[in-house]
Amino acid sequence: MTMQHMRPLRITAYSSGVITAAAVSAPSFPSALVSMTPLTSPLSPAPGSPPSSHPPSNTSSSADNDVILVYSRLEAAFRTHIPDPLPGVNAVEYLEQLASRKRKASVLVIGGDQCTGKSTLTARLARTLCGEDSDDKGHATSDYRSRIFSAGQLFRQEAARRGISSAELSRRALSDPSIDVGLEYRMCCILLSGEVHSGMDSTSPMNHDGQMTSSSSPASSPPLVLEGRQPGVMAHYCANRFNRGPSFSLRLTCSIREQALRFIERQGGREMMTLAEKELPLKLSSLRAASDRLESGLAKRYPQLIPLCQLFRDNDARDDDDRRRYVELYGQHPLLDYRNPALYHALIDTTLNQPNDTFNQAMEALNKTEEGEKLIEETERRRLALSHSNKP
């Protein structure tokens, strides 16, 4: 198993707009994976992968074996629940084929829980990296939305394809592991190929002759931005299993209280959010605790808050279900916990941030990576090209 080559990077954690003490030291993935012995087991590097920038170790530590076991479980799920993407080629072999080909575009990963600012930042980054003005004002001059892959959106698309609601698909996922595994496998395909493919049942960006389809985007295409909770885990797997991780990965966090207030503002408007702000304590253990506090106090005077409290409980229950299913599928391990900061290049606490603050901090962190510098240079060229093309 080899490591993706990256310039040494000291990861910075941003807390509410203020740069705090560094959270993790370089290299950007856990040290247990840096000097792992190249394997000839199912976790060996994909054919054609570039050599690792780290020397192989002569011994295999217990930590190494632990990592191998974790990813073996992941791959066993892929083999079990994903139909062969090509005749005679199983799901893991297909990922190896993707990794042996040149990626069509760079991939950025934005992770975090609900209401931490993922979707807002993802859209802003995608639009900026397509060469548009970073203030995100005015009519879009590029098809930046096609550069966004949202795990939640894919889940909703699959529900629509089956003619059922997202809630019903979540319920079915409790007994049908192929739903979750299919989503995570799609993430791996995107991370390795640099392409977005529609439909959970069409993972292949190659035709049945094993060649890239003509719909592949050119190598100079703007990056894809992969957003959700689990992409950070799949990105780490791809980086260490196939030596092909994301160009940049970022996790957003914020306080439970701020999550609750943002949710209320989104669902009930600013007036409801202002009322809730006076009611909720600074520290909360969960969205369920926020719901209980509002329902025991504010909701008695403002009955319109009651449906929001139920949504809190539903969301909290769905998160618990998601985590339980994940543990049942793959086991419990820090490398499978999307909240593990060691899976990301950088962390940003958005609790006191405005969207501009988060965007500026993300661009600053991106610029500290070797690939990020190149992406920003390419962005400037795209911006100039767009400005020339829009001149009368």
Protein backbone atom coordinates (compact mmCIF):
# COMPACT_ATOMS: atom_id res chain seq x y z
CA MET A 1 0.00 0.00 0.00
CA THR A 2 1.43 3.35 -0.95
CA MET A 3 0.84 6.96 -0.10
CA GLN A 4 -0.28 9.71 -2.42
CA HIS A 5 2.59 12.13 -3.10
CA MET A 6 1.96 15.48 -1.46
CA ARG A 7 4.11 18.35 -0.35
CA PRO A 8 4.55 18.31 3.45
CA LEU A 9 1.63 20.26 4.87
CA ARG A 10 0.89 21.42 8.37
CA ILE A 11 -2.84 21.24 8.66
CA THR A 12 -4.47 24.28 10.19
CA ALA A 13 -7.74 24.25 12.08
CA TYR A 14 -9.81 27.39 11.70
CA SER A 15 -12.03 28.14 14.67
CA SER A 16 -14.73 30.73 14.06
CA GLY A 17 -12.60 32.75 11.69
CA VAL A 18 -9.48 32.67 13.86
CA ILE A 19 -6.49 30.50 12.97
CA THR A 20 -5.81 28.27 15.95
CA ALA A 21 -3.03 25.83 16.82
CA ALA A 22 -2.31 23.23 14.15
CA ALA A 23 -4.42 20.13 14.59
CA VAL A 24 -2.45 17.52 12.63
CA SER A 25 1.11 17.37 11.37
CA ALA A 26 2.22 16.33 7.90
CA PRO A 27 1.94 14.00 6.12
CA SER A 28 -1.74 14.56 5.63
CA PHE A 29 -2.92 11.01 6.35
CA PRO A 30 -2.42 8.96 9.53
CA SER A 31 1.18 7.92 10.14
CA ALA A 32 0.17 4.26 10.30
CA LEU A 33 -0.31 4.43 6.54
CA VAL A 34 2.88 6.25 5.61
CA SER A 35 5.39 3.43 5.70
CA MET A 36 3.24 0.44 4.98
CA THR A 37 4.82 -2.44 3.12
CA PRO A 38 3.65 -2.72 -0.51
CA LEU A 39 1.33 -5.70 -0.64
CA THR A 40 0.47 -8.41 -3.11
CA SER A 41 -2.77 -9.01 -1.22
CA PRO A 42 -6.15 -7.62 -2.34
CA LEU A 43 -4.95 -4.25 -1.04
CA SER A 44 -1.92 -3.96 -3.32
CA PRO A 45 -1.53 -0.73 -5.35
CA ALA A 46 -3.43 -0.58 -8.60
CA PRO A 47 -1.49 -1.36 -11.81
CA GLY A 48 0.07 1.75 -13.24
CA SER A 49 0.01 3.69 -9.96
CA PRO A 50 2.93 6.12 -9.53
CA PRO A 51 5.60 5.12 -7.00
CA SER A 52 5.13 6.24 -3.45
CA SER A 53 7.17 9.18 -2.16
CA HIS A 54 7.66 7.28 1.10
CA PRO A 55 10.04 4.32 1.44
CA PRO A 56 8.41 0.95 2.15
CA SER A 57 8.91 -0.51 5.57
CA ASN A 58 10.51 -3.93 6.02
CA THR A 59 7.98 -5.06 8.57
CA SER A 60 4.24 -5.01 8.80
CA SER A 61 3.06 -3.54 12.10
CA SER A 62 -0.15 -4.40 13.90
CA ALA A 63 -1.45 -0.96 12.90
CA ASP A 64 -0.77 -1.82 9.25
CA ASN A 65 -2.63 -5.11 9.58
CA ASP A 66 -5.51 -3.29 11.26
CA VAL A 67 -5.80 -0.92 8.29
CA ILE A 68 -5.64 -3.81 5.84
CA LEU A 69 -8.48 -5.54 7.70
CA VAL A 70 -10.60 -2.37 7.65
CA TYR A 71 -10.26 -1.89 3.91
CA SER A 72 -10.67 -5.61 3.25
CA ARG A 73 -14.13 -5.37 4.81
CA LEU A 74 -14.92 -2.38 2.60
CA GLU A 75 -13.85 -4.24 -0.52
CA ALA A 76 -15.73 -7.37 0.51
CA ALA A 77 -18.90 -5.26 0.62
CA PHE A 78 -18.14 -3.88 -2.84
CA ARG A 79 -17.66 -7.37 -4.27
CA THR A 80 -20.83 -8.64 -2.59
CA HIS A 81 -23.27 -5.83 -3.33
CA ILE A 82 -22.02 -4.21 -6.56
CA PRO A 83 -22.77 -6.07 -9.82
CA ASP A 84 -19.76 -6.55 -12.10
CA PRO A 85 -19.35 -3.19 -13.89
CA LEU A 86 -17.84 -4.96 -16.93
CA PRO A 87 -18.09 -8.60 -18.03
CA GLY A 88 -15.61 -10.63 -16.00
CA VAL A 89 -14.49 -7.58 -14.00
CA ASN A 90 -15.65 -7.35 -10.39
CA ALA A 91 -16.22 -4.12 -8.51
CA VAL A 92 -12.74 -3.87 -6.96
CA GLU A 93 -10.96 -4.85 -10.17
CA TYR A 94 -12.91 -2.12 -11.91
CA LEU A 95 -11.68 0.45 -9.39
CA GLU A 96 -8.14 -0.73 -10.15
CA GLN A 97 -8.80 -0.11 -13.85
CA LEU A 98 -9.98 3.42 -13.11
CA ALA A 99 -6.91 4.09 -10.99
CA SER A 100 -4.59 2.92 -13.78
CA ARG A 101 -5.95 5.58 -16.16
CA LYS A 102 -5.40 9.29 -16.09
CA ARG A 103 -8.00 11.09 -14.02
CA LYS A 104 -10.16 13.41 -16.11
CA ALA A 105 -10.33 16.18 -13.51
CA SER A 106 -9.09 16.92 -10.02
CA VAL A 107 -11.47 16.18 -7.14
CA LEU A 108 -12.03 18.19 -3.98
CA VAL A 109 -13.85 16.72 -0.97
CA ILE A 110 -16.00 18.78 1.42
CA GLY A 111 -17.22 16.87 4.49
CA GLY A 112 -19.28 17.74 7.52
CA ASP A 113 -22.59 17.26 9.30
CA GLN A 114 -25.85 18.96 8.28
CA CYS A 115 -26.08 22.75 8.59
CA THR A 116 -22.31 23.23 8.84
CA GLY A 117 -22.17 25.07 5.49
CA LYS A 118 -21.17 22.25 3.12
CA SER A 119 -23.61 23.01 0.31
CA THR A 120 -22.97 26.76 0.36
CA LEU A 121 -19.20 26.31 0.29
CA THR A 122 -19.37 23.57 -2.34
CA ALA A 123 -21.35 25.76 -4.75
CA ARG A 124 -19.04 28.72 -4.15
CA LEU A 125 -15.89 26.65 -4.68
CA ALA A 126 -17.24 25.01 -7.82
CA ARG A 127 -18.25 28.35 -9.29
CA THR A 128 -14.92 29.94 -8.41
CA LEU A 129 -12.82 27.07 -9.75
CA CYS A 130 -14.76 27.28 -13.02
CA GLY A 131 -13.32 30.78 -13.35
CA GLU A 132 -16.25 32.91 -12.22
CA ASP A 133 -15.90 35.91 -9.91
CA SER A 134 -15.52 34.72 -6.34
CA ASP A 135 -18.27 36.99 -4.97
CA ASP A 136 -20.84 34.65 -6.53
CA LYS A 137 -22.97 37.55 -7.80
CA GLY A 138 -24.78 37.85 -11.07
CA HIS A 139 -25.73 35.32 -13.73
CA ALA A 140 -23.59 32.18 -13.89
CA THR A 141 -21.29 32.22 -16.90
CA SER A 142 -20.18 28.61 -16.56
CA ASP A 143 -21.88 25.26 -16.03
CA TYR A 144 -20.42 25.01 -12.54
CA ARG A 145 -23.32 22.93 -11.21
CA SER A 146 -22.15 20.04 -13.39
CA ARG A 147 -18.90 20.03 -11.38
CA ILE A 148 -20.74 19.32 -8.10
CA PHE A 149 -21.42 15.85 -6.74
CA SER A 150 -23.60 15.75 -3.65
CA ALA A 151 -24.05 12.46 -1.82
CA GLY A 152 -27.46 13.63 -0.65
CA GLN A 153 -28.48 14.60 -4.16
CA LEU A 154 -27.45 11.20 -5.48
CA PHE A 155 -29.52 9.53 -2.77
CA ARG A 156 -32.55 11.62 -3.76
CA GLN A 157 -31.98 10.78 -7.44
CA GLU A 158 -31.94 7.09 -6.65
CA ALA A 159 -35.19 7.47 -4.68
CA ALA A 160 -36.75 9.26 -7.66
CA ARG A 161 -35.50 6.54 -10.02
CA ARG A 162 -37.30 3.96 -7.89
CA GLY A 163 -40.40 6.13 -7.63
CA ILE A 164 -40.23 6.43 -3.84
CA SER A 165 -39.43 9.17 -1.31
CA SER A 166 -35.99 9.68 0.22
CA ALA A 167 -37.47 8.70 3.60
CA GLU A 168 -38.71 5.43 2.13
CA LEU A 169 -35.33 4.74 0.53
CA SER A 170 -33.69 5.35 3.92
CA ARG A 171 -36.11 2.87 5.47
CA ARG A 172 -35.31 0.26 2.83
CA ALA A 173 -31.60 0.83 3.34
CA LEU A 174 -32.01 -0.58 6.85
CA SER A 175 -32.49 -4.03 5.31
CA ASP A 176 -30.86 -3.56 1.88
CA PRO A 177 -27.10 -2.91 2.22
CA SER A 178 -26.69 -2.48 -1.54
CA ILE A 179 -28.21 1.02 -1.28
CA ASP A 180 -25.49 2.40 1.00
CA VAL A 181 -22.70 0.38 -0.59
CA GLY A 182 -23.79 1.55 -4.03
CA LEU A 183 -23.55 5.19 -2.98
CA GLU A 184 -20.11 4.74 -1.45
CA TYR A 185 -18.89 2.83 -4.50
CA ARG A 186 -20.03 5.68 -6.73
CA MET A 187 -17.94 8.06 -4.62
CA CYS A 188 -14.88 5.89 -5.22
CA CYS A 189 -15.53 5.85 -8.98
CA ILE A 190 -15.71 9.64 -9.02
CA LEU A 191 -12.59 10.04 -6.88
CA LEU A 192 -10.59 7.73 -9.14
CA SER A 193 -11.91 8.80 -12.56
CA GLY A 194 -12.63 12.49 -12.04
CA GLU A 195 -16.02 12.06 -13.71
CA VAL A 196 -19.63 12.22 -12.54
CA HIS A 197 -21.94 9.54 -13.89
CA SER A 198 -25.71 9.68 -13.53
CA GLY A 199 -27.69 6.89 -11.91
CA MET A 200 -26.53 4.56 -9.15
CA ASP A 201 -26.86 1.63 -11.55
CA SER A 202 -24.41 3.09 -14.10
CA THR A 203 -21.08 3.26 -12.34
CA SER A 204 -18.99 2.74 -15.44
CA PRO A 205 -17.35 5.62 -17.30
CA MET A 206 -16.02 3.06 -19.80
CA ASN A 207 -17.76 1.17 -22.54
CA HIS A 208 -17.80 -2.61 -22.64
CA ASP A 209 -14.53 -2.65 -24.56
CA GLY A 210 -12.86 -1.18 -21.50
CA GLN A 211 -12.25 2.21 -23.13
CA MET A 212 -13.23 5.62 -21.79
CA THR A 213 -16.53 6.83 -23.15
CA SER A 214 -16.66 9.85 -25.43
CA SER A 215 -18.52 11.83 -22.76
CA SER A 216 -15.35 12.06 -20.69
CA SER A 217 -14.40 15.62 -19.89
CA PRO A 218 -11.03 16.95 -21.09
CA ALA A 219 -8.05 16.88 -18.79
CA SER A 220 -8.24 20.68 -18.44
CA SER A 221 -11.76 20.56 -16.99
CA PRO A 222 -12.42 22.37 -13.71
CA PRO A 223 -12.27 20.21 -10.59
CA LEU A 224 -15.19 18.21 -9.30
CA VAL A 225 -16.34 19.02 -5.78
CA LEU A 226 -17.58 15.98 -3.86
CA GLU A 227 -19.76 16.93 -0.89
CA GLY A 228 -21.31 14.90 1.91
CA ARG A 229 -20.48 13.04 5.10
CA GLN A 230 -18.90 9.82 3.83
CA PRO A 231 -16.72 11.15 0.95
CA GLY A 232 -13.88 11.81 3.42
CA VAL A 233 -13.74 8.10 4.30
CA MET A 234 -13.83 6.99 0.66
CA ALA A 235 -11.20 9.59 -0.28
CA HIS A 236 -8.85 8.23 2.36
CA TYR A 237 -9.44 4.68 1.12
CA CYS A 238 -8.69 5.66 -2.49
CA ALA A 239 -5.56 7.57 -1.49
CA ASN A 240 -4.07 4.61 0.34
CA ARG A 241 -5.45 1.71 -1.65
CA PHE A 242 -4.92 3.14 -5.15
CA ASN A 243 -2.46 5.98 -4.49
CA ARG A 244 -5.06 8.42 -5.83
CA GLY A 245 -6.70 10.67 -3.27
CA PRO A 246 -8.40 14.04 -3.61
CA SER A 247 -6.46 17.17 -4.49
CA PHE A 248 -7.86 18.68 -1.31
CA SER A 249 -10.17 17.52 1.47
CA LEU A 250 -11.84 19.73 4.05
CA ARG A 251 -14.15 19.08 6.97
CA LEU A 252 -16.57 21.72 8.27
CA THR A 253 -17.82 21.71 11.84
CA CYS A 254 -19.97 23.96 13.99
CA SER A 255 -21.65 23.83 17.40
CA ILE A 256 -24.87 21.85 17.89
CA ARG A 257 -26.58 25.08 18.88
CA GLU A 258 -25.55 26.80 15.66
CA GLN A 259 -26.65 23.76 13.65
CA ALA A 260 -30.07 23.98 15.30
CA LEU A 261 -30.40 27.72 14.68
CA ARG A 262 -29.43 27.39 11.02
CA PHE A 263 -31.91 24.57 10.60
CA ILE A 264 -34.70 26.64 12.18
CA GLU A 265 -33.90 29.65 9.98
CA ARG A 266 -33.89 27.48 6.87
CA GLN A 267 -37.19 25.77 7.71
CA GLY A 268 -39.04 28.45 9.67
CA GLY A 269 -37.51 31.81 8.79
CA ARG A 270 -35.39 34.39 10.60
CA GLU A 271 -38.11 35.36 13.10
CA MET A 272 -38.34 31.80 14.42
CA MET A 273 -34.55 31.58 14.52
CA THR A 274 -34.32 34.77 16.60
CA LEU A 275 -36.82 33.38 19.13
CA ALA A 276 -34.95 30.06 19.33
CA GLU A 277 -31.66 31.88 19.81
CA LYS A 278 -32.94 33.29 23.10
CA GLU A 279 -34.18 29.90 24.27
CA LEU A 280 -31.33 27.53 23.46
CA PRO A 281 -28.34 27.22 25.83
CA LEU A 282 -24.81 27.61 24.49
CA LYS A 283 -24.00 23.92 24.92
CA LEU A 284 -26.18 21.12 23.55
CA SER A 285 -25.39 17.43 23.21
CA SER A 286 -27.48 16.77 20.10
CA LEU A 287 -30.22 18.09 17.84
CA ARG A 288 -32.59 15.92 19.84
CA ALA A 289 -31.60 17.87 22.97
CA ALA A 290 -32.30 21.12 21.10
CA SER A 291 -35.70 19.77 20.11
CA ASP A 292 -36.53 18.82 23.71
CA ARG A 293 -35.52 22.26 24.99
CA LEU A 294 -37.61 24.10 22.38
CA GLU A 295 -40.61 21.84 22.80
CA SER A 296 -40.65 22.21 26.58
CA GLY A 297 -40.46 25.99 26.37
CA LEU A 298 -40.78 28.02 23.21
CA ALA A 299 -43.06 25.65 21.27
CA LYS A 300 -45.79 26.02 23.90
CA ARG A 301 -46.06 29.70 23.00
CA TYR A 302 -45.32 29.23 19.30
CA PRO A 303 -47.01 26.02 18.05
CA GLN A 304 -45.50 26.51 14.59
CA LEU A 305 -42.21 25.33 16.10
CA ILE A 306 -43.60 21.88 16.86
CA PRO A 307 -43.11 20.52 13.29
CA LEU A 308 -39.50 21.78 13.39
CA CYS A 309 -38.93 19.93 16.66
CA GLN A 310 -40.18 16.75 15.01
CA LEU A 311 -37.80 17.33 12.11
CA PHE A 312 -34.95 17.65 14.61
CA ARG A 313 -35.84 14.27 16.09
CA ASP A 314 -36.26 12.69 12.64
CA ASN A 315 -32.87 13.98 11.51
CA ASP A 316 -31.19 12.81 14.69
CA ALA A 317 -32.78 9.35 14.32
CA ARG A 318 -31.73 9.17 10.66
CA ASP A 319 -28.14 10.03 11.59
CA ASP A 320 -28.17 7.29 14.22
CA ASP A 321 -29.56 4.83 11.65
CA ASP A 322 -26.87 5.82 9.14
CA ARG A 323 -24.07 5.28 11.65
CA ARG A 324 -25.52 1.95 12.80
CA ARG A 325 -25.81 0.67 9.24
CA TYR A 326 -22.25 1.76 8.51
CA VAL A 327 -20.89 -0.12 11.52
CA GLU A 328 -22.89 -3.22 10.60
CA LEU A 329 -21.51 -3.11 7.04
CA TYR A 330 -17.86 -2.34 7.64
CA GLY A 331 -17.16 -2.54 11.36
CA GLN A 332 -16.11 0.23 13.73
CA HIS A 333 -12.75 1.94 13.20
CA PRO A 334 -11.41 5.55 13.20
CA LEU A 335 -10.64 5.27 9.48
CA LEU A 336 -14.35 4.64 8.87
CA ASP A 337 -15.49 7.60 11.00
CA TYR A 338 -16.12 10.61 8.75
CA ARG A 339 -15.68 12.87 11.81
CA ASN A 340 -12.05 11.77 12.23
CA PRO A 341 -9.96 14.93 11.55
CA ALA A 342 -7.01 12.82 10.36
CA LEU A 343 -8.94 12.01 7.16
CA TYR A 344 -8.79 15.63 5.94
CA HIS A 345 -6.25 18.23 4.91
CA ALA A 346 -7.93 20.97 6.93
CA LEU A 347 -10.74 21.67 9.39
CA ILE A 348 -12.87 24.80 9.64
CA ASP A 349 -15.20 25.60 12.52
CA THR A 350 -17.99 27.67 10.95
CA THR A 351 -19.89 28.43 14.18
CA LEU A 352 -19.32 32.21 14.05
CA ASN A 353 -18.52 32.39 10.34
CA GLN A 354 -20.36 34.14 7.57
CA PRO A 355 -20.24 32.25 4.23
CA ASN A 356 -17.49 34.59 2.96
CA ASP A 357 -15.33 33.76 5.98
CA THR A 358 -15.59 30.03 5.34
CA PHE A 359 -14.91 30.46 1.63
CA ASN A 360 -11.80 32.61 2.23
CA GLN A 361 -10.44 30.17 4.81
CA ALA A 362 -11.06 27.24 2.46
CA MET A 363 -9.20 28.99 -0.38
CA GLU A 364 -6.32 29.80 1.98
CA ALA A 365 -6.08 26.16 3.05
CA LEU A 366 -6.33 24.97 -0.56
CA ASN A 367 -3.45 27.23 -1.54
CA LYS A 368 -1.24 25.50 1.04
CA THR A 369 -1.27 22.24 -0.90
CA GLU A 370 0.88 21.62 -3.96
CA GLU A 371 -2.06 20.59 -6.13
CA GLY A 372 -4.12 23.44 -4.72
CA GLU A 373 -1.63 26.01 -5.95
CA LYS A 374 -1.92 24.55 -9.45
CA LEU A 375 -5.71 24.56 -9.29
CA ILE A 376 -5.75 28.23 -8.31
CA GLU A 377 -3.41 29.06 -11.20
CA GLU A 378 -5.71 27.18 -13.59
CA THR A 379 -8.69 29.03 -12.10
CA GLU A 380 -7.13 32.37 -12.94
CA ARG A 381 -6.63 31.27 -16.54
CA ARG A 382 -10.27 30.20 -16.75
CA ARG A 383 -11.40 33.50 -15.25
CA LEU A 384 -9.45 35.46 -17.85
CA ALA A 385 -10.81 33.26 -20.64
CA LEU A 386 -14.39 33.78 -19.40
CA SER A 387 -13.93 37.55 -19.11
CA HIS A 388 -12.64 37.72 -22.71
CA SER A 389 -15.45 35.55 -24.04
CA ASN A 390 -18.09 37.74 -22.33
CA LYS A 391 -16.83 40.99 -23.81
CA PRO A 392 -19.10 42.44 -26.52
